[in-house]
Structures are given as C-alpha cells and as structure tokens.
PDB file of N, CA and C in Angstrom:
ATOM      1  N   MET A   1     105.283 -24.893 -52.968  1.00  0.00           N
ATOM      2  CA  MET A   1     106.311 -25.477 -53.811  1.00  0.00           C
ATOM      3  C   MET A   1     106.146 -26.994 -53.812  1.00  0.00           C
ATOM      4  N   ASN A   2     106.404 -27.586 -54.907  1.00  0.00           N
ATOM      5  CA  ASN A   2     106.315 -29.029 -55.053  1.00  0.00           C
ATOM      6  C   ASN A   2     107.327 -29.698 -54.135  1.00  0.00           C
ATOM      7  N   GLU A   3     106.862 -30.632 -53.280  1.00  0.00           N
ATOM      8  CA  GLU A   3     107.778 -31.265 -52.336  1.00  0.00           C
ATOM      9  C   GLU A   3     108.754 -32.224 -53.010  1.00  0.00           C
ATOM     10  N   ASP A   4     108.478 -32.641 -54.247  1.00  0.00           N
ATOM     11  CA  ASP A   4     109.376 -33.530 -54.970  1.00  0.00           C
ATOM     12  C   ASP A   4     110.304 -32.785 -55.921  1.00  0.00           C
ATOM     13  N   ILE A   5     110.507 -31.514 -55.684  1.00  0.00           N
ATOM     14  CA  ILE A   5     111.295 -30.695 -56.615  1.00  0.00           C
ATOM     15  C   ILE A   5     112.768 -31.127 -56.671  1.00  0.00           C
ATOM     16  N   ASN A   6     113.256 -31.782 -55.637  1.00  0.00           N
ATOM     17  CA  ASN A   6     114.657 -32.201 -55.609  1.00  0.00           C
ATOM     18  C   ASN A   6     114.941 -33.418 -56.476  1.00  0.00           C
ATOM     19  N   ILE A   7     113.920 -33.998 -57.103  1.00  0.00           N
ATOM     20  CA  ILE A   7     114.173 -35.137 -57.993  1.00  0.00           C
ATOM     21  C   ILE A   7     114.609 -34.690 -59.381  1.00  0.00           C
ATOM     22  N   TYR A   8     114.670 -33.374 -59.604  1.00  0.00           N
ATOM     23  CA  TYR A   8     115.029 -32.845 -60.923  1.00  0.00           C
ATOM     24  C   TYR A   8     116.446 -32.292 -60.934  1.00  0.00           C
ATOM     25  N   THR A   9     117.136 -32.531 -62.033  1.00  0.00           N
ATOM     26  CA  THR A   9     118.467 -31.993 -62.267  1.00  0.00           C
ATOM     27  C   THR A   9     118.375 -31.050 -63.467  1.00  0.00           C
ATOM     28  N   VAL A  10     119.132 -29.958 -63.417  1.00  0.00           N
ATOM     29  CA  VAL A  10     119.137 -28.991 -64.513  1.00  0.00           C
ATOM     30  C   VAL A  10     120.493 -29.054 -65.210  1.00  0.00           C
ATOM     31  N   LYS A  11     120.455 -29.197 -66.520  1.00  0.00           N
ATOM     32  CA  LYS A  11     121.672 -29.252 -67.342  1.00  0.00           C
ATOM     33  C   LYS A  11     121.680 -28.030 -68.256  1.00  0.00           C
ATOM     34  N   LEU A  12     122.781 -27.279 -68.221  1.00  0.00           N
ATOM     35  CA  LEU A  12     122.937 -26.098 -69.077  1.00  0.00           C
ATOM     36  C   LEU A  12     124.020 -26.367 -70.114  1.00  0.00           C
ATOM     37  N   LYS A  13     123.746 -25.970 -71.352  1.00  0.00           N
ATOM     38  CA  LYS A  13     124.735 -26.128 -72.416  1.00  0.00           C
ATOM     39  C   LYS A  13     124.703 -24.879 -73.276  1.00  0.00           C
ATOM     40  N   LYS A  14     125.859 -24.223 -73.412  1.00  0.00           N
ATOM     41  CA  LYS A  14     125.945 -22.987 -74.195  1.00  0.00           C
ATOM     42  C   LYS A  14     126.349 -23.314 -75.630  1.00  0.00           C
ATOM     43  N   ILE A  15     125.555 -22.782 -76.562  1.00  0.00           N
ATOM     44  CA  ILE A  15     125.826 -22.934 -77.989  1.00  0.00           C
ATOM     45  C   ILE A  15     125.788 -21.527 -78.578  1.00  0.00           C
ATOM     46  N   GLU A  16     126.959 -20.925 -78.740  1.00  0.00           N
ATOM     47  CA  GLU A  16     127.113 -19.545 -79.194  1.00  0.00           C
ATOM     48  C   GLU A  16     126.331 -18.599 -78.288  1.00  0.00           C
ATOM     49  N   ARG A  17     125.268 -17.954 -78.791  1.00  0.00           N
ATOM     50  CA  ARG A  17     124.518 -16.973 -77.994  1.00  0.00           C
ATOM     51  C   ARG A  17     123.233 -17.550 -77.402  1.00  0.00           C
ATOM     52  N   VAL A  18     123.115 -18.864 -77.422  1.00  0.00           N
ATOM     53  CA  VAL A  18     121.929 -19.542 -76.891  1.00  0.00           C
ATOM     54  C   VAL A  18     122.366 -20.529 -75.806  1.00  0.00           C
ATOM     55  N   ILE A  19     121.583 -20.595 -74.739  1.00  0.00           N
ATOM     56  CA  ILE A  19     121.842 -21.575 -73.689  1.00  0.00           C
ATOM     57  C   ILE A  19     120.663 -22.542 -73.675  1.00  0.00           C
ATOM     58  N   ASP A  20     120.975 -23.813 -73.886  1.00  0.00           N
ATOM     59  CA  ASP A  20     119.984 -24.876 -73.845  1.00  0.00           C
ATOM     60  C   ASP A  20     119.824 -25.306 -72.389  1.00  0.00           C
ATOM     61  N   ILE A  21     118.601 -25.301 -71.883  1.00  0.00           N
ATOM     62  CA  ILE A  21     118.319 -25.670 -70.502  1.00  0.00           C
ATOM     63  C   ILE A  21     117.465 -26.928 -70.532  1.00  0.00           C
ATOM     64  N   THR A  22     118.013 -28.033 -70.022  1.00  0.00           N
ATOM     65  CA  THR A  22     117.302 -29.304 -69.992  1.00  0.00           C
ATOM     66  C   THR A  22     117.035 -29.684 -68.554  1.00  0.00           C
ATOM     67  N   ILE A  23     115.806 -30.046 -68.257  1.00  0.00           N
ATOM     68  CA  ILE A  23     115.419 -30.467 -66.916  1.00  0.00           C
ATOM     69  C   ILE A  23     115.185 -31.971 -66.959  1.00  0.00           C
ATOM     70  N   ILE A  24     115.895 -32.690 -66.096  1.00  0.00           N
ATOM     71  CA  ILE A  24     115.867 -34.152 -66.106  1.00  0.00           C
ATOM     72  C   ILE A  24     115.216 -34.662 -64.823  1.00  0.00           C
ATOM     73  N   ASN A  25     114.297 -35.605 -64.974  1.00  0.00           N
ATOM     74  CA  ASN A  25     113.673 -36.266 -63.842  1.00  0.00           C
ATOM     75  C   ASN A  25     114.581 -37.425 -63.443  1.00  0.00           C
ATOM     76  N   ASN A  26     115.202 -37.344 -62.283  1.00  0.00           N
ATOM     77  CA  ASN A  26     116.157 -38.368 -61.852  1.00  0.00           C
ATOM     78  C   ASN A  26     115.496 -39.705 -61.541  1.00  0.00           C
ATOM     79  N   ASN A  27     114.235 -39.703 -61.122  1.00  0.00           N
ATOM     80  CA  ASN A  27     113.546 -40.960 -60.819  1.00  0.00           C
ATOM     81  C   ASN A  27     113.284 -41.774 -62.071  1.00  0.00           C
ATOM     82  N   HIS A  28     112.937 -41.112 -63.155  1.00  0.00           N
ATOM     83  CA  HIS A  28     112.611 -41.803 -64.400  1.00  0.00           C
ATOM     84  C   HIS A  28     113.768 -41.790 -65.391  1.00  0.00           C
ATOM     85  N   LYS A  29     114.855 -41.097 -65.040  1.00  0.00           N
ATOM     86  CA  LYS A  29     116.023 -40.991 -65.930  1.00  0.00           C
ATOM     87  C   LYS A  29     115.612 -40.497 -67.315  1.00  0.00           C
ATOM     88  N   SER A  30     114.731 -39.493 -67.332  1.00  0.00           N
ATOM     89  CA  SER A  30     114.244 -38.977 -68.608  1.00  0.00           C
ATOM     90  C   SER A  30     114.136 -37.460 -68.554  1.00  0.00           C
ATOM     91  N   MET A  31     114.050 -36.861 -69.742  1.00  0.00           N
ATOM     92  CA  MET A  31     113.908 -35.416 -69.839  1.00  0.00           C
ATOM     93  C   MET A  31     112.488 -35.038 -69.424  1.00  0.00           C
ATOM     94  N   ALA A  32     112.372 -34.102 -68.492  1.00  0.00           N
ATOM     95  CA  ALA A  32     111.065 -33.643 -68.030  1.00  0.00           C
ATOM     96  C   ALA A  32     110.606 -32.423 -68.819  1.00  0.00           C
ATOM     97  N   ASP A  33     111.548 -31.573 -69.198  1.00  0.00           N
ATOM     98  CA  ASP A  33     111.200 -30.356 -69.930  1.00  0.00           C
ATOM     99  C   ASP A  33     112.487 -29.718 -70.452  1.00  0.00           C
ATOM    100  N   PHE A  34     112.332 -28.747 -71.339  1.00  0.00           N
ATOM    101  CA  PHE A  34     113.485 -27.993 -71.815  1.00  0.00           C
ATOM    102  C   PHE A  34     113.029 -26.604 -72.216  1.00  0.00           C
ATOM    103  N   CYS A  35     113.970 -25.689 -72.229  1.00  0.00           N
ATOM    104  CA  CYS A  35     113.717 -24.332 -72.712  1.00  0.00           C
ATOM    105  C   CYS A  35     115.056 -23.734 -73.124  1.00  0.00           C
ATOM    106  N   TYR A  36     115.013 -22.505 -73.618  1.00  0.00           N
ATOM    107  CA  TYR A  36     116.211 -21.845 -74.098  1.00  0.00           C
ATOM    108  C   TYR A  36     116.333 -20.463 -73.473  1.00  0.00           C
ATOM    109  N   ALA A  37     117.561 -20.008 -73.358  1.00  0.00           N
ATOM    110  CA  ALA A  37     117.827 -18.636 -72.947  1.00  0.00           C
ATOM    111  C   ALA A  37     118.636 -17.992 -74.062  1.00  0.00           C
ATOM    112  N   LEU A  38     118.195 -16.829 -74.488  1.00  0.00           N
ATOM    113  CA  LEU A  38     118.862 -16.091 -75.561  1.00  0.00           C
ATOM    114  C   LEU A  38     119.555 -14.861 -74.997  1.00  0.00           C
ATOM    115  N   PHE A  39     120.701 -14.510 -75.573  1.00  0.00           N
ATOM    116  CA  PHE A  39     121.433 -13.327 -75.125  1.00  0.00           C
ATOM    117  C   PHE A  39     120.781 -12.075 -75.681  1.00  0.00           C
ATOM    118  N   GLU A  40     120.521 -11.131 -74.803  1.00  0.00           N
ATOM    119  CA  GLU A  40     119.952  -9.835 -75.193  1.00  0.00           C
ATOM    120  C   GLU A  40     121.024  -8.771 -74.952  1.00  0.00           C
ATOM    121  N   PRO A  41     121.675  -8.275 -76.022  1.00  0.00           N
ATOM    122  CA  PRO A  41     122.785  -7.340 -75.847  1.00  0.00           C
ATOM    123  C   PRO A  41     122.382  -6.000 -75.223  1.00  0.00           C
ATOM    124  N   HIS A  42     121.125  -5.579 -75.380  1.00  0.00           N
ATOM    125  CA  HIS A  42     120.705  -4.287 -74.825  1.00  0.00           C
ATOM    126  C   HIS A  42     120.696  -4.281 -73.307  1.00  0.00           C
ATOM    127  N   ILE A  43     120.418  -5.426 -72.698  1.00  0.00           N
ATOM    128  CA  ILE A  43     120.435  -5.508 -71.235  1.00  0.00           C
ATOM    129  C   ILE A  43     121.610  -6.341 -70.727  1.00  0.00           C
ATOM    130  N   ASN A  44     122.386  -6.911 -71.660  1.00  0.00           N
ATOM    131  CA  ASN A  44     123.572  -7.698 -71.352  1.00  0.00           C
ATOM    132  C   ASN A  44     123.242  -8.899 -70.454  1.00  0.00           C
ATOM    133  N   LYS A  45     122.130  -9.570 -70.755  1.00  0.00           N
ATOM    134  CA  LYS A  45     121.699 -10.736 -69.985  1.00  0.00           C
ATOM    135  C   LYS A  45     121.080 -11.773 -70.920  1.00  0.00           C
ATOM    136  N   TYR A  46     121.004 -13.005 -70.424  1.00  0.00           N
ATOM    137  CA  TYR A  46     120.300 -14.073 -71.111  1.00  0.00           C
ATOM    138  C   TYR A  46     118.888 -14.138 -70.547  1.00  0.00           C
ATOM    139  N   TYR A  47     117.881 -14.135 -71.404  1.00  0.00           N
ATOM    140  CA  TYR A  47     116.504 -14.212 -70.933  1.00  0.00           C
ATOM    141  C   TYR A  47     115.846 -15.479 -71.478  1.00  0.00           C
ATOM    142  N   LEU A  48     114.876 -16.017 -70.729  1.00  0.00           N
ATOM    143  CA  LEU A  48     114.179 -17.214 -71.172  1.00  0.00           C
ATOM    144  C   LEU A  48     113.354 -16.891 -72.405  1.00  0.00           C
ATOM    145  N   PHE A  49     113.465 -17.740 -73.385  1.00  0.00           N
ATOM    146  CA  PHE A  49     112.779 -17.566 -74.653  1.00  0.00           C
ATOM    147  C   PHE A  49     111.540 -18.450 -74.673  1.00  0.00           C
ATOM    148  N   GLY A  50     110.445 -17.928 -75.178  1.00  0.00           N
ATOM    149  CA  GLY A  50     109.208 -18.690 -75.244  1.00  0.00           C
ATOM    150  C   GLY A  50     108.493 -18.658 -73.906  1.00  0.00           C
ATOM    151  N   ILE A  51     107.577 -19.574 -73.725  1.00  0.00           N
ATOM    152  CA  ILE A  51     106.809 -19.627 -72.488  1.00  0.00           C
ATOM    153  C   ILE A  51     107.125 -20.943 -71.784  1.00  0.00           C
ATOM    154  N   PRO A  52     108.026 -20.910 -70.805  1.00  0.00           N
ATOM    155  CA  PRO A  52     108.343 -22.140 -70.076  1.00  0.00           C
ATOM    156  C   PRO A  52     107.142 -22.575 -69.224  1.00  0.00           C
ATOM    157  N   THR A  53     107.082 -23.854 -68.920  1.00  0.00           N
ATOM    158  CA  THR A  53     105.985 -24.360 -68.100  1.00  0.00           C
ATOM    159  C   THR A  53     106.145 -23.883 -66.661  1.00  0.00           C
ATOM    160  N   LYS A  54     105.045 -23.946 -65.915  1.00  0.00           N
ATOM    161  CA  LYS A  54     105.070 -23.547 -64.501  1.00  0.00           C
ATOM    162  C   LYS A  54     106.057 -24.415 -63.724  1.00  0.00           C
ATOM    163  N   LEU A  55     106.087 -25.717 -64.024  1.00  0.00           N
ATOM    164  CA  LEU A  55     107.019 -26.621 -63.357  1.00  0.00           C
ATOM    165  C   LEU A  55     108.463 -26.225 -63.653  1.00  0.00           C
ATOM    166  N   SER A  56     108.755 -25.904 -64.916  1.00  0.00           N
ATOM    167  CA  SER A  56     110.116 -25.489 -65.285  1.00  0.00           C
ATOM    168  C   SER A  56     110.537 -24.246 -64.518  1.00  0.00           C
ATOM    169  N   ILE A  57     109.657 -23.268 -64.446  1.00  0.00           N
ATOM    170  CA  ILE A  57     109.977 -22.033 -63.725  1.00  0.00           C
ATOM    171  C   ILE A  57     110.231 -22.328 -62.260  1.00  0.00           C
ATOM    172  N   GLU A  58     109.391 -23.172 -61.663  1.00  0.00           N
ATOM    173  CA  GLU A  58     109.546 -23.534 -60.254  1.00  0.00           C
ATOM    174  C   GLU A  58     110.897 -24.215 -60.002  1.00  0.00           C
ATOM    175  N   ILE A  59     111.263 -25.137 -60.872  1.00  0.00           N
ATOM    176  CA  ILE A  59     112.535 -25.857 -60.730  1.00  0.00           C
ATOM    177  C   ILE A  59     113.716 -24.914 -60.926  1.00  0.00           C
ATOM    178  N   LEU A  60     113.679 -24.086 -61.962  1.00  0.00           N
ATOM    179  CA  LEU A  60     114.786 -23.172 -62.246  1.00  0.00           C
ATOM    180  C   LEU A  60     114.943 -22.121 -61.153  1.00  0.00           C
ATOM    181  N   LEU A  61     113.854 -21.643 -60.585  1.00  0.00           N
ATOM    182  CA  LEU A  61     113.943 -20.711 -59.448  1.00  0.00           C
ATOM    183  C   LEU A  61     114.521 -21.412 -58.221  1.00  0.00           C
ATOM    184  N   HIS A  62     114.073 -22.634 -57.976  1.00  0.00           N
ATOM    185  CA  HIS A  62     114.556 -23.406 -56.819  1.00  0.00           C
ATOM    186  C   HIS A  62     116.072 -23.643 -56.894  1.00  0.00           C
ATOM    187  N   HIS A  63     116.572 -23.914 -58.079  1.00  0.00           N
ATOM    188  CA  HIS A  63     118.002 -24.192 -58.271  1.00  0.00           C
ATOM    189  C   HIS A  63     118.824 -22.924 -58.533  1.00  0.00           C
ATOM    190  N   ASN A  64     118.206 -21.759 -58.402  1.00  0.00           N
ATOM    191  CA  ASN A  64     118.883 -20.468 -58.581  1.00  0.00           C
ATOM    192  C   ASN A  64     119.481 -20.322 -59.987  1.00  0.00           C
ATOM    193  N   ILE A  65     118.757 -20.823 -60.977  1.00  0.00           N
ATOM    194  CA  ILE A  65     119.181 -20.712 -62.378  1.00  0.00           C
ATOM    195  C   ILE A  65     118.631 -19.428 -62.990  1.00  0.00           C
ATOM    196  N   ILE A  66     117.409 -19.051 -62.593  1.00  0.00           N
ATOM    197  CA  ILE A  66     116.780 -17.846 -63.133  1.00  0.00           C
ATOM    198  C   ILE A  66     116.303 -16.944 -62.003  1.00  0.00           C
ATOM    199  N   GLU A  67     116.067 -15.687 -62.374  1.00  0.00           N
ATOM    200  CA  GLU A  67     115.432 -14.737 -61.466  1.00  0.00           C
ATOM    201  C   GLU A  67     114.413 -13.951 -62.268  1.00  0.00           C
ATOM    202  N   GLN A  68     113.370 -13.504 -61.587  1.00  0.00           N
ATOM    203  CA  GLN A  68     112.325 -12.755 -62.280  1.00  0.00           C
ATOM    204  C   GLN A  68     112.796 -11.329 -62.490  1.00  0.00           C
ATOM    205  N   MET A  69     112.681 -10.868 -63.739  1.00  0.00           N
ATOM    206  CA  MET A  69     113.181  -9.546 -64.089  1.00  0.00           C
ATOM    207  C   MET A  69     112.125  -8.467 -63.898  1.00  0.00           C
ATOM    208  N   ASN A  70     110.856  -8.835 -64.035  1.00  0.00           N
ATOM    209  CA  ASN A  70     109.790  -7.850 -63.890  1.00  0.00           C
ATOM    210  C   ASN A  70     108.559  -8.502 -63.279  1.00  0.00           C
ATOM    211  N   LYS A  71     107.598  -7.708 -62.933  1.00  0.00           N
ATOM    212  CA  LYS A  71     106.355  -8.218 -62.349  1.00  0.00           C
ATOM    213  C   LYS A  71     105.205  -8.146 -63.345  1.00  0.00           C
ATOM    214  N   GLU A  72     105.506  -7.851 -64.597  1.00  0.00           N
ATOM    215  CA  GLU A  72     104.490  -7.726 -65.627  1.00  0.00           C
ATOM    216  C   GLU A  72     104.010  -9.106 -66.066  1.00  0.00           C
ATOM    217  N   LEU A  73     102.916  -9.112 -66.808  1.00  0.00           N
ATOM    218  CA  LEU A  73     102.419 -10.348 -67.391  1.00  0.00           C
ATOM    219  C   LEU A  73     102.627 -10.301 -68.894  1.00  0.00           C
ATOM    220  N   PRO A  74     103.228 -11.268 -69.520  1.00  0.00           N
ATOM    221  CA  PRO A  74     103.848 -12.396 -68.849  1.00  0.00           C
ATOM    222  C   PRO A  74     105.168 -11.975 -68.202  1.00  0.00           C
ATOM    223  N   PRO A  75     105.517 -12.595 -67.105  1.00  0.00           N
ATOM    224  CA  PRO A  75     106.765 -12.217 -66.434  1.00  0.00           C
ATOM    225  C   PRO A  75     107.984 -12.593 -67.274  1.00  0.00           C
ATOM    226  N   ALA A  76     109.034 -11.822 -67.144  1.00  0.00           N
ATOM    227  CA  ALA A  76     110.290 -12.108 -67.850  1.00  0.00           C
ATOM    228  C   ALA A  76     111.287 -12.653 -66.844  1.00  0.00           C
ATOM    229  N   PHE A  77     112.046 -13.648 -67.276  1.00  0.00           N
ATOM    230  CA  PHE A  77     113.053 -14.258 -66.421  1.00  0.00           C
ATOM    231  C   PHE A  77     114.403 -14.177 -67.104  1.00  0.00           C
ATOM    232  N   VAL A  78     115.450 -13.953 -66.324  1.00  0.00           N
ATOM    233  CA  VAL A  78     116.813 -13.927 -66.845  1.00  0.00           C
ATOM    234  C   VAL A  78     117.652 -14.923 -66.053  1.00  0.00           C
ATOM    235  N   LEU A  79     118.744 -15.374 -66.662  1.00  0.00           N
ATOM    236  CA  LEU A  79     119.639 -16.282 -65.973  1.00  0.00           C
ATOM    237  C   LEU A  79     120.407 -15.534 -64.886  1.00  0.00           C
ATOM    238  N   THR A  80     120.622 -16.192 -63.773  1.00  0.00           N
ATOM    239  CA  THR A  80     121.372 -15.594 -62.670  1.00  0.00           C
ATOM    240  C   THR A  80     122.871 -15.665 -62.966  1.00  0.00           C
ATOM    241  N   ASN A  81     123.629 -14.869 -62.262  1.00  0.00           N
ATOM    242  CA  ASN A  81     125.094 -14.933 -62.400  1.00  0.00           C
ATOM    243  C   ASN A  81     125.606 -16.302 -61.985  1.00  0.00           C
ATOM    244  N   CYS A  82     124.969 -16.906 -61.005  1.00  0.00           N
ATOM    245  CA  CYS A  82     125.347 -18.245 -60.545  1.00  0.00           C
ATOM    246  C   CYS A  82     125.244 -19.249 -61.697  1.00  0.00           C
ATOM    247  N   ALA A  83     124.174 -19.171 -62.467  1.00  0.00           N
ATOM    248  CA  ALA A  83     123.992 -20.084 -63.612  1.00  0.00           C
ATOM    249  C   ALA A  83     125.061 -19.842 -64.678  1.00  0.00           C
ATOM    250  N   LEU A  84     125.364 -18.577 -64.932  1.00  0.00           N
ATOM    251  CA  LEU A  84     126.360 -18.264 -65.963  1.00  0.00           C
ATOM    252  C   LEU A  84     127.755 -18.712 -65.538  1.00  0.00           C
ATOM    253  N   ILE A  85     128.084 -18.581 -64.264  1.00  0.00           N
ATOM    254  CA  ILE A  85     129.397 -19.023 -63.773  1.00  0.00           C
ATOM    255  C   ILE A  85     129.562 -20.521 -63.967  1.00  0.00           C
ATOM    256  N   SER A  86     128.472 -21.275 -63.810  1.00  0.00           N
ATOM    257  CA  SER A  86     128.561 -22.727 -63.977  1.00  0.00           C
ATOM    258  C   SER A  86     128.886 -23.129 -65.416  1.00  0.00           C
ATOM    259  N   LEU A  87     128.705 -22.214 -66.372  1.00  0.00           N
ATOM    260  CA  LEU A  87     129.006 -22.512 -67.769  1.00  0.00           C
ATOM    261  C   LEU A  87     130.470 -22.271 -68.129  1.00  0.00           C
ATOM    262  N   LEU A  88     131.228 -21.665 -67.245  1.00  0.00           N
ATOM    263  CA  LEU A  88     132.641 -21.386 -67.538  1.00  0.00           C
ATOM    264  C   LEU A  88     133.466 -22.635 -67.583  1.00  0.00           C
TER     265      LEU A  88
END
C-alpha cells in the first residue's frame, strides 16, 4: 500500500441516482482523481462506473468507501454501507 495514502481526502456527493466521488490531494490542494457510482436496482447497491485508476481503488478501499463485489476480471466494486451513511 502506498505509504502516502493518508494525504488524500474523499468527497462524496449524491445527485439523484449517481454518487460523484472526488479524491483530493491535501498536499497540493487539488483534485487527484474522480469517479462515479451508479445505483443498480437489481442488487440494490451503488457500483463504481467505468474503470477507476489503481490509485483511486487503493484510496477508496483504505477509507472504507468501497468493497470488492467479485473476484472476476475486471473486478466490480460497490459502495459500503459506511459510505452511504455518510451521505445522509
């Protein structure tokens, strides 16, 4: 794991059925990366949309924002209950 992972802050913003996930580098006061989570009614969860970068996945796992849903390639990630509670 990257030893400087604690320099990143994760900001979540819900817009209807989409959650905007912004990763901010606190040292540079700038956006490091972003991705989206879309609501999937069949599984009743928000899943990461697109292909997030390896750094984004590492940061989101470290902050308990996402969890891996399967072991297939490409892996699927969903938002944790902890992340959803923070949006209330």
